[in-house]
Protein backbone atom coordinates (compact mmCIF):
# COMPACT_ATOMS: atom_id res chain seq x y z
CA PHE A 1 77.87 101.66 98.93
CA PHE A 2 79.15 99.33 96.21
CA PHE A 3 82.11 101.60 95.40
CA ARG A 4 83.24 101.55 99.05
CA PHE A 5 82.89 97.76 99.11
CA VAL A 6 84.99 97.33 95.96
CA SER A 7 87.51 99.75 97.43
CA CYS A 8 87.82 97.52 100.52
CA ILE A 9 88.42 94.50 98.28
CA MET A 10 91.13 96.35 96.40
CA ASN A 11 92.77 97.30 99.71
CA VAL A 12 93.03 93.59 100.59
CA VAL A 13 94.60 92.84 97.21
CA LYS A 14 97.03 95.75 97.61
CA GLU A 15 98.03 94.56 101.10
CA ILE A 16 98.73 91.05 99.79
CA ASP A 17 100.81 92.58 97.01
CA ARG A 18 102.75 94.68 99.56
CA ILE A 19 103.53 91.59 101.66
CA ASN A 20 104.60 89.66 98.57
CA LYS A 21 106.95 92.47 97.49
CA LYS A 22 108.45 92.64 100.99
CA GLU A 23 109.15 88.89 100.94
CA LEU A 24 110.76 89.20 97.50
CA ALA A 25 112.94 92.09 98.70
CA LEU A 26 114.10 89.92 101.61
CA GLY A 27 114.90 87.08 99.22
CA VAL A 28 112.07 84.84 100.44
CA ASP A 29 110.16 82.86 97.88
CA GLY A 30 106.80 81.16 98.46
CA SER A 31 108.31 77.69 98.82
CA GLU A 32 110.29 78.49 101.95
CA GLU A 33 108.90 77.42 105.32
CA HIS A 34 108.95 80.93 106.82
CA SER A 35 106.85 82.41 104.00
CA TRP A 36 103.16 82.97 104.69
CA HIS A 37 102.53 81.34 101.31
CA HIS A 38 104.08 78.10 102.50
CA GLU A 39 102.05 78.00 105.71
CA TYR A 40 98.70 78.39 103.92
CA ARG A 41 99.57 76.78 100.57
CA ASN A 42 96.85 74.12 100.77
CA SER A 43 94.09 76.26 102.26
CA ALA A 44 91.00 77.08 100.22
CA TYR A 45 90.07 79.85 102.69
CA ILE A 46 90.86 83.53 102.39
CA PHE A 47 90.55 86.30 104.97
CA ILE A 48 88.65 89.39 103.89
CA GLY A 49 89.04 92.36 106.23
CA GLY A 50 88.20 96.02 106.37
CA LEU A 51 84.61 95.48 105.26
CA PRO A 52 81.96 98.11 105.92
CA PHE A 53 79.72 96.88 108.74
CA ASN A 54 76.63 96.86 106.52
CA VAL A 55 78.11 94.44 103.95
CA THR A 56 76.26 91.11 103.85
CA GLU A 57 77.38 87.59 103.04
CA GLY A 58 75.63 87.97 99.69
CA ASP A 59 77.63 91.10 98.86
CA VAL A 60 80.89 89.27 99.55
CA LEU A 61 79.82 86.25 97.50
CA VAL A 62 78.89 88.43 94.52
CA ALA A 63 82.21 90.30 94.63
CA PHE A 64 84.47 87.29 95.16
CA SER A 65 82.70 84.76 92.94
CA GLN A 66 84.59 86.27 90.01
CA TYR A 67 87.70 84.44 91.30
CA GLY A 68 86.08 81.00 91.68
CA GLU A 69 83.18 79.05 93.16
CA PRO A 70 82.65 79.97 96.85
CA VAL A 71 81.54 77.04 99.01
CA ASP A 72 81.55 78.54 102.52
CA ILE A 73 81.49 81.97 104.12
CA ASN A 74 81.87 82.89 107.76
CA MET A 75 80.94 86.52 108.38
CA VAL A 76 82.23 87.19 111.89
CA ARG A 77 79.57 88.87 114.01
CA ASP A 78 79.24 90.20 117.54
CA LYS A 79 77.63 87.49 119.66
CA GLU A 80 75.25 89.87 121.41
CA THR A 81 74.26 92.36 118.71
CA LYS A 82 74.72 90.03 115.70
CA LYS A 83 76.30 92.96 113.83
CA SER A 84 79.23 92.34 111.49
CA LYS A 85 82.71 92.95 112.88
CA GLY A 86 83.94 93.98 109.42
CA PHE A 87 85.71 90.79 108.35
CA CYS A 88 84.98 87.29 107.14
CA PHE A 89 86.51 84.06 105.89
CA LEU A 90 85.60 82.69 102.47
CA ALA A 91 86.32 79.19 101.14
CA TYR A 92 86.55 78.31 97.49
CA GLU A 93 85.79 74.96 95.90
CA ASP A 94 89.24 74.97 94.28
CA GLN A 95 92.27 76.12 96.28
CA ARG A 96 93.75 77.68 93.13
CA SER A 97 91.04 80.36 93.30
CA THR A 98 92.76 81.78 96.40
CA ILE A 99 95.77 82.90 94.36
CA LEU A 100 95.04 86.55 93.63
């Protein structure tokens, strides 16, 4: 279970890295208005997707607290079944913790 969870986290990091490399190849740096970095530069929230459906808020907090102090988590759930939809949003106390 834990290995699959860590694997999901690494997939998120790899996807961010892929997007960053694509922007660099196109000559876009993070300060330009059309970069996704610019749009979210002051946000302390991160999106975490591709989570196994049995991962809990506590699991996410344990895994991501190594990057900073989490202050809010929103595990998106089905309104009827209350089961996880496999993604969440996590806020850090310090926005600098969102820079992976």
